[in-house]
Amino acid sequence: MVINTIIWHNPKCSKSRQALSHLNQKNITPVIRLYLENPPTTSELEKVLLLLNLRVLELTRTKELEFKALPSNIINDDSLLIKALTQYPKLIERPIIIKGERAVLGRTTSKIEELF
């Protein structure tokens, strides 16, 4: 059985481009999900958080203006914050690389290597 590698990719992000390039150099052609154009659902985000073993705030880009504009009741409630990430996918840290039932936040090549 072939297990596809998926990357939640933002082509404007240098870390995301580096991760994609690293995968391609390893002859891995991932399924590219342009998550800003095709945001994840709440259930997809919940699953990815489990695979990453991260709390939702750890997957959130907290320096973005959209995050700073969120009321504290949303920031302090995981389920509300997940819903906010689906509405504002720019707030999701990137790139996320998923292979089967494993995932990493691929901001460094060493993290990406953990999948392979």
Protein backbone atom coordinates (compact mmCIF):
# COMPACT_ATOMS: atom_id res chain seq x y z
CA MET A 1 0.00 0.00 0.00
CA VAL A 2 1.33 3.44 -0.96
CA ILE A 3 1.01 6.07 1.72
CA ASN A 4 0.79 9.57 0.29
CA THR A 5 2.74 12.37 1.85
CA ILE A 6 0.71 15.57 2.18
CA ILE A 7 2.03 19.06 2.77
CA TRP A 8 -0.13 21.92 3.97
CA HIS A 9 1.70 24.51 1.93
CA ASN A 10 1.84 28.27 1.60
CA PRO A 11 3.99 29.14 -1.45
CA LYS A 12 4.63 32.64 -0.05
CA CYS A 13 6.28 31.20 3.07
CA SER A 14 10.03 30.54 2.84
CA LYS A 15 9.88 27.69 5.41
CA SER A 16 7.09 26.05 3.43
CA ARG A 17 9.02 26.39 0.16
CA GLN A 18 12.14 24.97 1.82
CA ALA A 19 10.19 22.00 3.15
CA LEU A 20 8.69 21.27 -0.27
CA SER A 21 12.12 21.57 -1.88
CA HIS A 22 13.59 19.19 0.70
CA LEU A 23 10.88 16.62 0.00
CA ASN A 24 11.43 16.94 -3.74
CA GLN A 25 15.20 16.47 -3.29
CA LYS A 26 14.42 13.20 -1.53
CA ASN A 27 12.29 12.18 -4.55
CA ILE A 28 9.13 12.57 -2.52
CA THR A 29 6.32 14.23 -4.44
CA PRO A 30 3.76 15.21 -1.85
CA VAL A 31 0.14 16.01 -2.39
CA ILE A 32 0.14 19.80 -2.00
CA ARG A 33 -2.72 21.31 -0.08
CA LEU A 34 -2.84 25.07 -0.44
CA TYR A 35 -4.48 25.40 2.93
CA LEU A 36 -5.06 29.15 2.63
CA GLU A 37 -7.29 28.48 -0.37
CA ASN A 38 -8.66 25.20 0.96
CA PRO A 39 -8.78 25.61 4.76
CA PRO A 40 -8.95 22.53 6.94
CA THR A 41 -12.17 21.64 8.68
CA THR A 42 -12.46 21.56 12.44
CA SER A 43 -12.17 17.75 12.43
CA GLU A 44 -9.12 17.85 10.14
CA LEU A 45 -7.39 20.32 12.47
CA GLU A 46 -8.26 18.21 15.50
CA LYS A 47 -6.76 15.13 13.83
CA VAL A 48 -3.60 16.98 12.79
CA LEU A 49 -3.17 18.32 16.32
CA LEU A 50 -3.34 14.74 17.62
CA LEU A 51 -0.83 13.56 15.01
CA LEU A 52 1.51 16.44 15.84
CA ASN A 53 0.96 15.98 19.57
CA LEU A 54 0.54 19.74 19.91
CA ARG A 55 -1.94 21.95 21.69
CA VAL A 56 -3.87 24.27 19.43
CA LEU A 57 -2.03 27.36 20.70
CA GLU A 58 1.29 25.70 19.76
CA LEU A 59 0.06 25.44 16.17
CA THR A 60 -1.12 29.05 16.10
CA ARG A 61 0.82 31.96 14.65
CA THR A 62 0.36 34.26 17.64
CA LYS A 63 2.22 37.24 16.15
CA GLU A 64 -0.31 37.74 13.35
CA LEU A 65 -2.68 40.70 13.58
CA GLU A 66 -5.68 38.37 13.19
CA PHE A 67 -4.61 36.48 16.30
CA LYS A 68 -4.05 39.66 18.31
CA ALA A 69 -7.57 40.79 17.37
CA LEU A 70 -9.17 37.63 18.80
CA PRO A 71 -11.00 38.04 22.10
CA SER A 72 -9.42 36.28 25.07
CA ASN A 73 -12.36 33.89 25.43
CA ILE A 74 -11.49 32.44 22.01
CA ILE A 75 -7.74 32.29 22.72
CA ASN A 76 -8.36 30.49 26.01
CA ASP A 77 -10.82 27.91 24.64
CA ASP A 78 -9.25 25.22 22.44
CA SER A 79 -12.44 24.41 20.54
CA LEU A 80 -13.14 28.08 19.80
CA LEU A 81 -9.53 28.64 18.76
CA ILE A 82 -9.69 25.67 16.38
CA LYS A 83 -12.80 27.21 14.81
CA ALA A 84 -10.93 30.51 14.49
CA LEU A 85 -8.08 28.73 12.69
CA THR A 86 -10.54 27.31 10.17
CA GLN A 87 -11.86 30.83 9.56
CA TYR A 88 -8.38 32.41 9.48
CA PRO A 89 -6.08 29.69 8.12
CA LYS A 90 -3.25 32.24 7.94
CA LEU A 91 -2.97 31.65 11.69
CA ILE A 92 -1.94 28.00 11.23
CA GLU A 93 1.80 27.37 11.58
CA ARG A 94 3.32 25.95 8.44
CA PRO A 95 4.28 23.77 6.78
CA ILE A 96 2.55 20.69 8.13
CA ILE A 97 3.69 17.45 6.57
CA ILE A 98 1.53 14.37 7.01
CA LYS A 99 2.42 10.79 6.13
CA GLY A 100 -0.13 8.19 7.13
CA GLU A 101 -0.81 8.48 10.84
CA ARG A 102 2.21 10.68 11.53
CA ALA A 103 2.79 14.39 11.04
CA VAL A 104 5.42 17.03 11.71
CA LEU A 105 5.60 20.76 11.65
CA GLY A 106 8.28 20.90 8.97
CA ARG A 107 10.02 24.14 9.83
CA THR A 108 13.40 22.38 9.80
CA THR A 109 14.75 19.57 7.64
CA SER A 110 15.55 17.54 10.76
CA LYS A 111 11.85 17.59 11.69
CA ILE A 112 10.92 16.45 8.19
CA GLU A 113 13.44 13.61 8.43
CA GLU A 114 11.55 12.26 11.46
CA LEU A 115 8.82 11.11 9.03
CA PHE A 116 11.14 9.18 6.71
